[in-house]
C-alpha cells in the first residue's frame, strides 16, 4: 500500500466476526485446520507446530516451494476476489504428501 504499512482488511460483518494481521509465527502456532495445514505443508514445506512458529519468528516471510498464480474466484452476485493456486511443485518437498 501507499506509504508502507499493512493493507487495510475489508471485513464483511455478515461472514466474519473478527480479523486482524498477525505474524507468521503467531499464525503457525494457532493453526490446526486440515486445509490450512495441508497448504502450509505442500506450498511452503512448513508444519504448523510450535517449533515451526519459533523458527518462523526468525524469518520475515516463508518462501513458497511452488509458483503461486493469482486467479479470481467469484460467487454469483459478488465481485471476484484474489485467490492463489500453485502452478508447479518441488517434487522433493511434496514427497510423502498424499494427493
PDB file of N, CA and C in Angstrom:
ATOM      1  N   UNK A   1       0.819  -1.194   0.000  1.00  0.00           N
ATOM      2  CA  UNK A   1       0.000   0.000   0.000  1.00  0.00           C
ATOM      3  C   UNK A   1       0.862   1.257   0.000  1.00  0.00           C
ATOM      4  N   UNK A   2       0.266   2.358  -0.378  1.00  0.00           N
ATOM      5  CA  UNK A   2       0.983   3.617  -0.403  1.00  0.00           C
ATOM      6  C   UNK A   2       1.427   3.989   0.990  1.00  0.00           C
ATOM      7  N   UNK A   3       2.643   4.532   1.099  1.00  0.00           N
ATOM      8  CA  UNK A   3       3.148   4.957   2.393  1.00  0.00           C
ATOM      9  C   UNK A   3       3.622   3.821   3.278  1.00  0.00           C
ATOM     10  N   UNK A   4       3.737   2.609   2.722  1.00  0.00           N
ATOM     11  CA  UNK A   4       4.185   1.468   3.513  1.00  0.00           C
ATOM     12  C   UNK A   4       3.074   0.955   4.405  1.00  0.00           C
ATOM     13  N   UNK A   5       3.419   0.146   5.368  1.00  0.00           N
ATOM     14  CA  UNK A   5       2.419  -0.388   6.284  1.00  0.00           C
ATOM     15  C   UNK A   5       1.647  -1.547   5.674  1.00  0.00           C
ATOM     16  N   UNK A   6       0.694  -2.013   6.444  1.00  0.00           N
ATOM     17  CA  UNK A   6      -0.109  -3.164   6.021  1.00  0.00           C
ATOM     18  C   UNK A   6      -1.345  -2.708   5.264  1.00  0.00           C
ATOM     19  N   UNK A   7      -1.783  -3.514   4.280  1.00  0.00           N
ATOM     20  CA  UNK A   7      -3.025  -3.157   3.591  1.00  0.00           C
ATOM     21  C   UNK A   7      -4.212  -3.257   4.550  1.00  0.00           C
ATOM     22  N   UNK A   8      -5.228  -2.464   4.281  1.00  0.00           N
ATOM     23  CA  UNK A   8      -6.421  -2.486   5.114  1.00  0.00           C
ATOM     24  C   UNK A   8      -7.185  -3.789   4.901  1.00  0.00           C
ATOM     25  N   UNK A   9      -7.699  -4.347   5.971  1.00  0.00           N
ATOM     26  CA  UNK A   9      -8.522  -5.547   5.889  1.00  0.00           C
ATOM     27  C   UNK A   9      -9.964  -5.105   5.706  1.00  0.00           C
ATOM     28  N   UNK A  10     -10.620  -5.614   4.676  1.00  0.00           N
ATOM     29  CA  UNK A  10     -12.024  -5.303   4.444  1.00  0.00           C
ATOM     30  C   UNK A  10     -12.876  -6.407   5.046  1.00  0.00           C
ATOM     31  N   UNK A  11     -13.338  -6.180   6.247  1.00  0.00           N
ATOM     32  CA  UNK A  11     -14.121  -7.156   6.998  1.00  0.00           C
ATOM     33  C   UNK A  11     -15.572  -7.138   6.541  1.00  0.00           C
ATOM     34  N   UNK A  12     -16.105  -8.292   6.194  1.00  0.00           N
ATOM     35  CA  UNK A  12     -17.524  -8.430   5.876  1.00  0.00           C
ATOM     36  C   UNK A  12     -18.219  -8.936   7.135  1.00  0.00           C
ATOM     37  N   UNK A  13     -18.964  -8.059   7.828  1.00  0.00           N
ATOM     38  CA  UNK A  13     -19.571  -8.460   9.100  1.00  0.00           C
ATOM     39  C   UNK A  13     -20.615  -9.559   8.974  1.00  0.00           C
ATOM     40  N   UNK A  14     -21.092  -9.815   7.759  1.00  0.00           N
ATOM     41  CA  UNK A  14     -22.051 -10.895   7.546  1.00  0.00           C
ATOM     42  C   UNK A  14     -21.358 -12.262   7.556  1.00  0.00           C
ATOM     43  N   UNK A  15     -20.047 -12.281   7.301  1.00  0.00           N
ATOM     44  CA  UNK A  15     -19.338 -13.550   7.179  1.00  0.00           C
ATOM     45  C   UNK A  15     -18.266 -13.768   8.245  1.00  0.00           C
ATOM     46  N   UNK A  16     -17.668 -12.693   8.722  1.00  0.00           N
ATOM     47  CA  UNK A  16     -16.518 -12.815   9.618  1.00  0.00           C
ATOM     48  C   UNK A  16     -16.740 -11.927  10.832  1.00  0.00           C
ATOM     49  N   UNK A  17     -16.560 -12.482  12.023  1.00  0.00           N
ATOM     50  CA  UNK A  17     -16.786 -11.702  13.234  1.00  0.00           C
ATOM     51  C   UNK A  17     -15.558 -10.903  13.648  1.00  0.00           C
ATOM     52  N   UNK A  18     -14.359 -11.369  13.282  1.00  0.00           N
ATOM     53  CA  UNK A  18     -13.141 -10.678  13.685  1.00  0.00           C
ATOM     54  C   UNK A  18     -12.016 -11.071  12.741  1.00  0.00           C
ATOM     55  N   UNK A  19     -11.151 -10.138  12.439  1.00  0.00           N
ATOM     56  CA  UNK A  19      -9.950 -10.461  11.671  1.00  0.00           C
ATOM     57  C   UNK A  19      -8.877  -9.431  11.996  1.00  0.00           C
ATOM     58  N   UNK A  20      -7.630  -9.835  11.840  1.00  0.00           N
ATOM     59  CA  UNK A  20      -6.503  -8.956  12.113  1.00  0.00           C
ATOM     60  C   UNK A  20      -5.259  -9.531  11.456  1.00  0.00           C
ATOM     61  N   UNK A  21      -4.258  -8.701  11.259  1.00  0.00           N
ATOM     62  CA  UNK A  21      -2.972  -9.166  10.769  1.00  0.00           C
ATOM     63  C   UNK A  21      -2.238  -9.792  11.934  1.00  0.00           C
ATOM     64  N   UNK A  22      -1.483 -10.850  11.670  1.00  0.00           N
ATOM     65  CA  UNK A  22      -0.654 -11.464  12.710  1.00  0.00           C
ATOM     66  C   UNK A  22       0.655 -11.906  12.091  1.00  0.00           C
ATOM     67  N   UNK A  23       1.638 -12.092  12.927  1.00  0.00           N
ATOM     68  CA  UNK A  23       2.951 -12.537  12.452  1.00  0.00           C
ATOM     69  C   UNK A  23       2.844 -13.975  11.948  1.00  0.00           C
ATOM     70  N   UNK A  24       3.794 -14.369  11.108  1.00  0.00           N
ATOM     71  CA  UNK A  24       3.821 -15.742  10.594  1.00  0.00           C
ATOM     72  C   UNK A  24       3.925 -16.724  11.755  1.00  0.00           C
ATOM     73  N   UNK A  25       4.761 -16.412  12.737  1.00  0.00           N
ATOM     74  CA  UNK A  25       4.929 -17.339  13.858  1.00  0.00           C
ATOM     75  C   UNK A  25       3.634 -17.484  14.663  1.00  0.00           C
ATOM     76  N   UNK A  26       2.914 -16.394  14.874  1.00  0.00           N
ATOM     77  CA  UNK A  26       1.631 -16.492  15.584  1.00  0.00           C
ATOM     78  C   UNK A  26       0.625 -17.304  14.774  1.00  0.00           C
ATOM     79  N   UNK A  27       0.572 -17.061  13.466  1.00  0.00           N
ATOM     80  CA  UNK A  27      -0.343 -17.803  12.602  1.00  0.00           C
ATOM     81  C   UNK A  27      -0.044 -19.299  12.672  1.00  0.00           C
ATOM     82  N   UNK A  28       1.235 -19.661  12.540  1.00  0.00           N
ATOM     83  CA  UNK A  28       1.610 -21.078  12.567  1.00  0.00           C
ATOM     84  C   UNK A  28       1.246 -21.737  13.892  1.00  0.00           C
ATOM     85  N   UNK A  29       1.377 -21.011  14.965  1.00  0.00           N
ATOM     86  CA  UNK A  29       1.115 -21.608  16.278  1.00  0.00           C
ATOM     87  C   UNK A  29      -0.377 -21.751  16.568  1.00  0.00           C
ATOM     88  N   UNK A  30      -1.231 -21.134  15.749  1.00  0.00           N
ATOM     89  CA  UNK A  30      -2.678 -21.189  16.009  1.00  0.00           C
ATOM     90  C   UNK A  30      -3.437 -22.078  15.034  1.00  0.00           C
ATOM     91  N   UNK A  31      -2.774 -22.674  14.061  1.00  0.00           N
ATOM     92  CA  UNK A  31      -3.488 -23.395  13.011  1.00  0.00           C
ATOM     93  C   UNK A  31      -3.532 -24.897  13.254  1.00  0.00           C
ATOM     94  N   UNK A  32      -4.752 -25.453  13.151  1.00  0.00           N
ATOM     95  CA  UNK A  32      -4.900 -26.905  13.212  1.00  0.00           C
ATOM     96  C   UNK A  32      -5.944 -27.408  12.212  1.00  0.00           C
ATOM     97  N   UNK A  33      -6.483 -26.510  11.370  1.00  0.00           N
ATOM     98  CA  UNK A  33      -7.466 -26.917  10.373  1.00  0.00           C
ATOM     99  C   UNK A  33      -6.757 -27.709   9.276  1.00  0.00           C
ATOM    100  N   UNK A  34      -7.292 -28.858   8.870  1.00  0.00           N
ATOM    101  CA  UNK A  34      -6.620 -29.705   7.871  1.00  0.00           C
ATOM    102  C   UNK A  34      -6.319 -28.999   6.543  1.00  0.00           C
ATOM    103  N   UNK A  35      -7.187 -28.111   6.098  1.00  0.00           N
ATOM    104  CA  UNK A  35      -6.932 -27.403   4.843  1.00  0.00           C
ATOM    105  C   UNK A  35      -5.741 -26.455   4.989  1.00  0.00           C
ATOM    106  N   UNK A  36      -5.715 -25.686   6.061  1.00  0.00           N
ATOM    107  CA  UNK A  36      -4.623 -24.730   6.285  1.00  0.00           C
ATOM    108  C   UNK A  36      -3.298 -25.472   6.460  1.00  0.00           C
ATOM    109  N   UNK A  37      -3.295 -26.543   7.252  1.00  0.00           N
ATOM    110  CA  UNK A  37      -2.039 -27.265   7.471  1.00  0.00           C
ATOM    111  C   UNK A  37      -1.554 -27.942   6.184  1.00  0.00           C
ATOM    112  N   UNK A  38      -2.479 -28.404   5.329  1.00  0.00           N
ATOM    113  CA  UNK A  38      -2.078 -29.005   4.052  1.00  0.00           C
ATOM    114  C   UNK A  38      -1.463 -27.953   3.130  1.00  0.00           C
ATOM    115  N   UNK A  39      -2.042 -26.765   3.082  1.00  0.00           N
ATOM    116  CA  UNK A  39      -1.476 -25.700   2.245  1.00  0.00           C
ATOM    117  C   UNK A  39      -0.100 -25.303   2.764  1.00  0.00           C
ATOM    118  N   UNK A  40       0.038 -25.138   4.066  1.00  0.00           N
ATOM    119  CA  UNK A  40       1.338 -24.788   4.634  1.00  0.00           C
ATOM    120  C   UNK A  40       2.392 -25.836   4.292  1.00  0.00           C
ATOM    121  N   UNK A  41       2.028 -27.108   4.432  1.00  0.00           N
ATOM    122  CA  UNK A  41       2.969 -28.205   4.191  1.00  0.00           C
ATOM    123  C   UNK A  41       3.317 -28.317   2.710  1.00  0.00           C
ATOM    124  N   UNK A  42       2.306 -28.300   1.833  1.00  0.00           N
ATOM    125  CA  UNK A  42       2.546 -28.542   0.409  1.00  0.00           C
ATOM    126  C   UNK A  42       3.098 -27.327  -0.325  1.00  0.00           C
ATOM    127  N   UNK A  43       2.694 -26.134   0.069  1.00  0.00           N
ATOM    128  CA  UNK A  43       3.125 -24.939  -0.654  1.00  0.00           C
ATOM    129  C   UNK A  43       4.372 -24.297  -0.056  1.00  0.00           C
ATOM    130  N   UNK A  44       4.595 -24.492   1.257  1.00  0.00           N
ATOM    131  CA  UNK A  44       5.729 -23.849   1.915  1.00  0.00           C
ATOM    132  C   UNK A  44       6.672 -24.821   2.618  1.00  0.00           C
ATOM    133  N   UNK A  45       6.300 -26.101   2.707  1.00  0.00           N
ATOM    134  CA  UNK A  45       7.144 -27.061   3.406  1.00  0.00           C
ATOM    135  C   UNK A  45       7.160 -26.817   4.902  1.00  0.00           C
ATOM    136  N   UNK A  46       6.087 -26.236   5.428  1.00  0.00           N
ATOM    137  CA  UNK A  46       6.020 -25.861   6.840  1.00  0.00           C
ATOM    138  C   UNK A  46       5.000 -26.738   7.551  1.00  0.00           C
ATOM    139  N   UNK A  47       5.407 -27.285   8.671  1.00  0.00           N
ATOM    140  CA  UNK A  47       4.481 -27.986   9.547  1.00  0.00           C
ATOM    141  C   UNK A  47       3.983 -26.966  10.570  1.00  0.00           C
ATOM    142  N   UNK A  48       2.685 -26.878  10.774  1.00  0.00           N
ATOM    143  CA  UNK A  48       2.111 -25.910  11.715  1.00  0.00           C
ATOM    144  C   UNK A  48       2.263 -26.442  13.133  1.00  0.00           C
ATOM    145  N   UNK A  49       3.414 -26.181  13.711  1.00  0.00           N
ATOM    146  CA  UNK A  49       3.708 -26.624  15.071  1.00  0.00           C
ATOM    147  C   UNK A  49       4.342 -25.468  15.833  1.00  0.00           C
ATOM    148  N   UNK A  50       4.456 -25.613  17.120  1.00  0.00           N
ATOM    149  CA  UNK A  50       5.112 -24.569  17.905  1.00  0.00           C
ATOM    150  C   UNK A  50       6.573 -24.410  17.489  1.00  0.00           C
ATOM    151  N   UNK A  51       7.232 -25.534  17.115  1.00  0.00           N
ATOM    152  CA  UNK A  51       8.619 -25.459  16.665  1.00  0.00           C
ATOM    153  C   UNK A  51       8.724 -24.653  15.373  1.00  0.00           C
ATOM    154  N   UNK A  52       7.775 -24.878  14.455  1.00  0.00           N
ATOM    155  CA  UNK A  52       7.763 -24.127  13.193  1.00  0.00           C
ATOM    156  C   UNK A  52       7.499 -22.653  13.469  1.00  0.00           C
ATOM    157  N   UNK A  53       6.615 -22.378  14.410  1.00  0.00           N
ATOM    158  CA  UNK A  53       6.311 -20.997  14.756  1.00  0.00           C
ATOM    159  C   UNK A  53       7.541 -20.301  15.321  1.00  0.00           C
ATOM    160  N   UNK A  54       8.281 -21.002  16.156  1.00  0.00           N
ATOM    161  CA  UNK A  54       9.502 -20.424  16.724  1.00  0.00           C
ATOM    162  C   UNK A  54      10.526 -20.145  15.630  1.00  0.00           C
ATOM    163  N   UNK A  55      10.677 -21.083  14.700  1.00  0.00           N
ATOM    164  CA  UNK A  55      11.616 -20.885  13.588  1.00  0.00           C
ATOM    165  C   UNK A  55      11.149 -19.743  12.691  1.00  0.00           C
ATOM    166  N   UNK A  56       9.848 -19.636  12.476  1.00  0.00           N
ATOM    167  CA  UNK A  56       9.308 -18.585  11.607  1.00  0.00           C
ATOM    168  C   UNK A  56       9.509 -17.208  12.207  1.00  0.00           C
ATOM    169  N   UNK A  57       9.591 -17.127  13.526  1.00  0.00           N
ATOM    170  CA  UNK A  57       9.761 -15.821  14.155  1.00  0.00           C
ATOM    171  C   UNK A  57      11.110 -15.214  13.789  1.00  0.00           C
ATOM    172  N   UNK A  58      12.039 -16.039  13.328  1.00  0.00           N
ATOM    173  CA  UNK A  58      13.351 -15.551  12.923  1.00  0.00           C
ATOM    174  C   UNK A  58      13.369 -15.076  11.481  1.00  0.00           C
ATOM    175  N   UNK A  59      12.397 -15.499  10.683  1.00  0.00           N
ATOM    176  CA  UNK A  59      12.339 -15.144   9.265  1.00  0.00           C
ATOM    177  C   UNK A  59      11.241 -14.106   9.041  1.00  0.00           C
ATOM    178  N   UNK A  60      11.403 -13.316   7.989  1.00  0.00           N
ATOM    179  CA  UNK A  60      10.392 -12.302   7.690  1.00  0.00           C
ATOM    180  C   UNK A  60       9.163 -12.916   7.032  1.00  0.00           C
ATOM    181  N   UNK A  61       9.364 -13.732   6.017  1.00  0.00           N
ATOM    182  CA  UNK A  61       8.234 -14.338   5.311  1.00  0.00           C
ATOM    183  C   UNK A  61       8.709 -15.660   4.729  1.00  0.00           C
ATOM    184  N   UNK A  62       7.906 -16.722   4.829  1.00  0.00           N
ATOM    185  CA  UNK A  62       8.341 -18.002   4.265  1.00  0.00           C
ATOM    186  C   UNK A  62       8.413 -17.931   2.742  1.00  0.00           C
ATOM    187  N   UNK A  63       9.309 -18.717   2.183  1.00  0.00           N
ATOM    188  CA  UNK A  63       9.474 -18.770   0.734  1.00  0.00           C
ATOM    189  C   UNK A  63       8.663 -19.937   0.194  1.00  0.00           C
ATOM    190  N   UNK A  64       7.774 -19.686  -0.781  1.00  0.00           N
ATOM    191  CA  UNK A  64       6.978 -20.782  -1.327  1.00  0.00           C
ATOM    192  C   UNK A  64       7.834 -21.782  -2.098  1.00  0.00           C
ATOM    193  N   UNK A  65       7.442 -23.052  -2.037  1.00  0.00           N
ATOM    194  CA  UNK A  65       8.095 -24.105  -2.813  1.00  0.00           C
ATOM    195  C   UNK A  65       7.487 -24.197  -4.203  1.00  0.00           C
ATOM    196  N   UNK A  66       6.389 -23.493  -4.411  1.00  0.00           N
ATOM    197  CA  UNK A  66       5.651 -23.538  -5.665  1.00  0.00           C
ATOM    198  C   UNK A  66       5.474 -22.116  -6.177  1.00  0.00           C
ATOM    199  N   UNK A  67       5.193 -21.992  -7.461  1.00  0.00           N
ATOM    200  CA  UNK A  67       4.859 -20.685  -8.010  1.00  0.00           C
ATOM    201  C   UNK A  67       3.376 -20.463  -7.762  1.00  0.00           C
ATOM    202  N   UNK A  68       3.046 -19.354  -7.118  1.00  0.00           N
ATOM    203  CA  UNK A  68       1.653 -19.063  -6.800  1.00  0.00           C
ATOM    204  C   UNK A  68       1.107 -18.081  -7.829  1.00  0.00           C
ATOM    205  N   UNK A  69       0.057 -18.506  -8.543  1.00  0.00           N
ATOM    206  CA  UNK A  69      -0.561 -17.679  -9.569  1.00  0.00           C
ATOM    207  C   UNK A  69      -1.902 -17.159  -9.066  1.00  0.00           C
ATOM    208  N   UNK A  70      -2.141 -15.870  -9.270  1.00  0.00           N
ATOM    209  CA  UNK A  70      -3.397 -15.274  -8.825  1.00  0.00           C
ATOM    210  C   UNK A  70      -4.500 -15.517  -9.853  1.00  0.00           C
ATOM    211  N   UNK A  71      -5.654 -15.901  -9.373  1.00  0.00           N
ATOM    212  CA  UNK A  71      -6.839 -16.064 -10.214  1.00  0.00           C
ATOM    213  C   UNK A  71      -8.042 -15.605  -9.395  1.00  0.00           C
ATOM    214  N   UNK A  72      -9.016 -15.026 -10.037  1.00  0.00           N
ATOM    215  CA  UNK A  72     -10.188 -14.563  -9.312  1.00  0.00           C
ATOM    216  C   UNK A  72     -11.200 -15.673  -9.118  1.00  0.00           C
ATOM    217  N   UNK A  73     -11.719 -15.788  -7.910  1.00  0.00           N
ATOM    218  CA  UNK A  73     -12.806 -16.711  -7.616  1.00  0.00           C
ATOM    219  C   UNK A  73     -14.028 -15.844  -7.369  1.00  0.00           C
ATOM    220  N   UNK A  74     -15.153 -16.247  -7.928  1.00  0.00           N
ATOM    221  CA  UNK A  74     -16.335 -15.398  -7.828  1.00  0.00           C
ATOM    222  C   UNK A  74     -17.590 -16.209  -7.550  1.00  0.00           C
ATOM    223  N   UNK A  75     -18.380 -15.728  -6.610  1.00  0.00           N
ATOM    224  CA  UNK A  75     -19.686 -16.293  -6.349  1.00  0.00           C
ATOM    225  C   UNK A  75     -20.710 -15.411  -7.052  1.00  0.00           C
ATOM    226  N   UNK A  76     -21.877 -15.947  -7.415  1.00  0.00           N
ATOM    227  CA  UNK A  76     -22.897 -15.137  -8.092  1.00  0.00           C
ATOM    228  C   UNK A  76     -23.249 -13.879  -7.291  1.00  0.00           C
ATOM    229  N   UNK A  77     -23.302 -12.764  -7.991  1.00  0.00           N
ATOM    230  CA  UNK A  77     -23.676 -11.509  -7.367  1.00  0.00           C
ATOM    231  C   UNK A  77     -22.573 -10.822  -6.590  1.00  0.00           C
ATOM    232  N   UNK A  78     -21.355 -11.335  -6.655  1.00  0.00           N
ATOM    233  CA  UNK A  78     -20.245 -10.735  -5.920  1.00  0.00           C
ATOM    234  C   UNK A  78     -19.079 -10.479  -6.859  1.00  0.00           C
ATOM    235  N   UNK A  79     -18.241  -9.538  -6.458  1.00  0.00           N
ATOM    236  CA  UNK A  79     -17.025  -9.265  -7.204  1.00  0.00           C
ATOM    237  C   UNK A  79     -16.043 -10.423  -6.992  1.00  0.00           C
ATOM    238  N   UNK A  80     -15.218 -10.736  -8.002  1.00  0.00           N
ATOM    239  CA  UNK A  80     -14.202 -11.770  -7.778  1.00  0.00           C
ATOM    240  C   UNK A  80     -13.191 -11.301  -6.733  1.00  0.00           C
ATOM    241  N   UNK A  81     -12.638 -12.236  -5.990  1.00  0.00           N
ATOM    242  CA  UNK A  81     -11.593 -11.874  -5.035  1.00  0.00           C
ATOM    243  C   UNK A  81     -10.351 -12.703  -5.360  1.00  0.00           C
ATOM    244  N   UNK A  82      -9.177 -12.136  -5.080  1.00  0.00           N
ATOM    245  CA  UNK A  82      -7.944 -12.829  -5.454  1.00  0.00           C
ATOM    246  C   UNK A  82      -7.775 -14.136  -4.683  1.00  0.00           C
ATOM    247  N   UNK A  83      -7.439 -15.167  -5.418  1.00  0.00           N
ATOM    248  CA  UNK A  83      -7.163 -16.480  -4.865  1.00  0.00           C
ATOM    249  C   UNK A  83      -5.902 -16.982  -5.550  1.00  0.00           C
ATOM    250  N   UNK A  84      -5.072 -17.693  -4.829  1.00  0.00           N
ATOM    251  CA  UNK A  84      -3.799 -18.138  -5.389  1.00  0.00           C
ATOM    252  C   UNK A  84      -3.767 -19.656  -5.517  1.00  0.00           C
ATOM    253  N   UNK A  85      -3.250 -20.118  -6.651  1.00  0.00           N
ATOM    254  CA  UNK A  85      -3.137 -21.541  -6.931  1.00  0.00           C
ATOM    255  C   UNK A  85      -1.701 -21.866  -7.297  1.00  0.00           C
ATOM    256  N   UNK A  86      -1.242 -23.031  -6.899  1.00  0.00           N
ATOM    257  CA  UNK A  86       0.113 -23.459  -7.234  1.00  0.00           C
ATOM    258  C   UNK A  86       0.159 -23.925  -8.677  1.00  0.00           C
ATOM    259  N   UNK A  87       1.233 -23.544  -9.387  1.00  0.00           N
ATOM    260  CA  UNK A  87       1.358 -23.964 -10.776  1.00  0.00           C
ATOM    261  C   UNK A  87       2.380 -25.069 -10.955  1.00  0.00           C
ATOM    262  N   UNK A  88       3.303 -25.201 -10.015  1.00  0.00           N
ATOM    263  CA  UNK A  88       4.294 -26.268 -10.084  1.00  0.00           C
ATOM    264  C   UNK A  88       4.771 -26.536  -8.669  1.00  0.00           C
ATOM    265  N   UNK A  89       5.398 -27.699  -8.486  1.00  0.00           N
ATOM    266  CA  UNK A  89       5.801 -28.070  -7.143  1.00  0.00           C
ATOM    267  C   UNK A  89       7.156 -28.722  -7.168  1.00  0.00           C
ATOM    268  N   UNK A  90       7.942 -28.465  -6.141  1.00  0.00           N
ATOM    269  CA  UNK A  90       9.218 -29.136  -5.955  1.00  0.00           C
ATOM    270  C   UNK A  90       8.901 -30.551  -5.497  1.00  0.00           C
ATOM    271  N   UNK A  91       9.166 -31.525  -6.362  1.00  0.00           N
ATOM    272  CA  UNK A  91       8.795 -32.916  -6.078  1.00  0.00           C
ATOM    273  C   UNK A  91       9.394 -33.428  -4.785  1.00  0.00           C
ATOM    274  N   UNK A  92      10.621 -33.032  -4.472  1.00  0.00           N
ATOM    275  CA  UNK A  92      11.258 -33.497  -3.244  1.00  0.00           C
ATOM    276  C   UNK A  92      10.516 -32.950  -2.024  1.00  0.00           C
ATOM    277  N   UNK A  93      10.040 -31.718  -2.097  1.00  0.00           N
ATOM    278  CA  UNK A  93       9.342 -31.113  -0.968  1.00  0.00           C
ATOM    279  C   UNK A  93       7.968 -31.742  -0.781  1.00  0.00           C
ATOM    280  N   UNK A  94       7.336 -32.156  -1.858  1.00  0.00           N
ATOM    281  CA  UNK A  94       5.992 -32.727  -1.770  1.00  0.00           C
ATOM    282  C   UNK A  94       6.008 -34.229  -1.523  1.00  0.00           C
ATOM    283  N   UNK A  95       7.186 -34.835  -1.500  1.00  0.00           N
ATOM    284  CA  UNK A  95       7.294 -36.283  -1.311  1.00  0.00           C
ATOM    285  C   UNK A  95       6.629 -36.696  -0.015  1.00  0.00           C
ATOM    286  N   UNK A  96       5.848 -37.712  -0.081  1.00  0.00           N
ATOM    287  CA  UNK A  96       5.186 -38.229   1.108  1.00  0.00           C
ATOM    288  C   UNK A  96       3.874 -37.537   1.423  1.00  0.00           C
ATOM    289  N   UNK A  97       3.503 -36.554   0.629  1.00  0.00           N
ATOM    290  CA  UNK A  97       2.243 -35.857   0.853  1.00  0.00           C
ATOM    291  C   UNK A  97       1.192 -36.504  -0.029  1.00  0.00           C
ATOM    292  N   UNK A  98       0.093 -36.965   0.588  1.00  0.00           N
ATOM    293  CA  UNK A  98      -0.948 -37.594  -0.225  1.00  0.00           C
ATOM    294  C   UNK A  98      -1.662 -36.563  -1.059  1.00  0.00           C
ATOM    295  N   UNK A  99      -2.095 -36.957  -2.230  1.00  0.00           N
ATOM    296  CA  UNK A  99      -2.778 -36.028  -3.131  1.00  0.00           C
ATOM    297  C   UNK A  99      -4.221 -36.369  -3.249  1.00  0.00           C
TER     298      UNK A  99
END
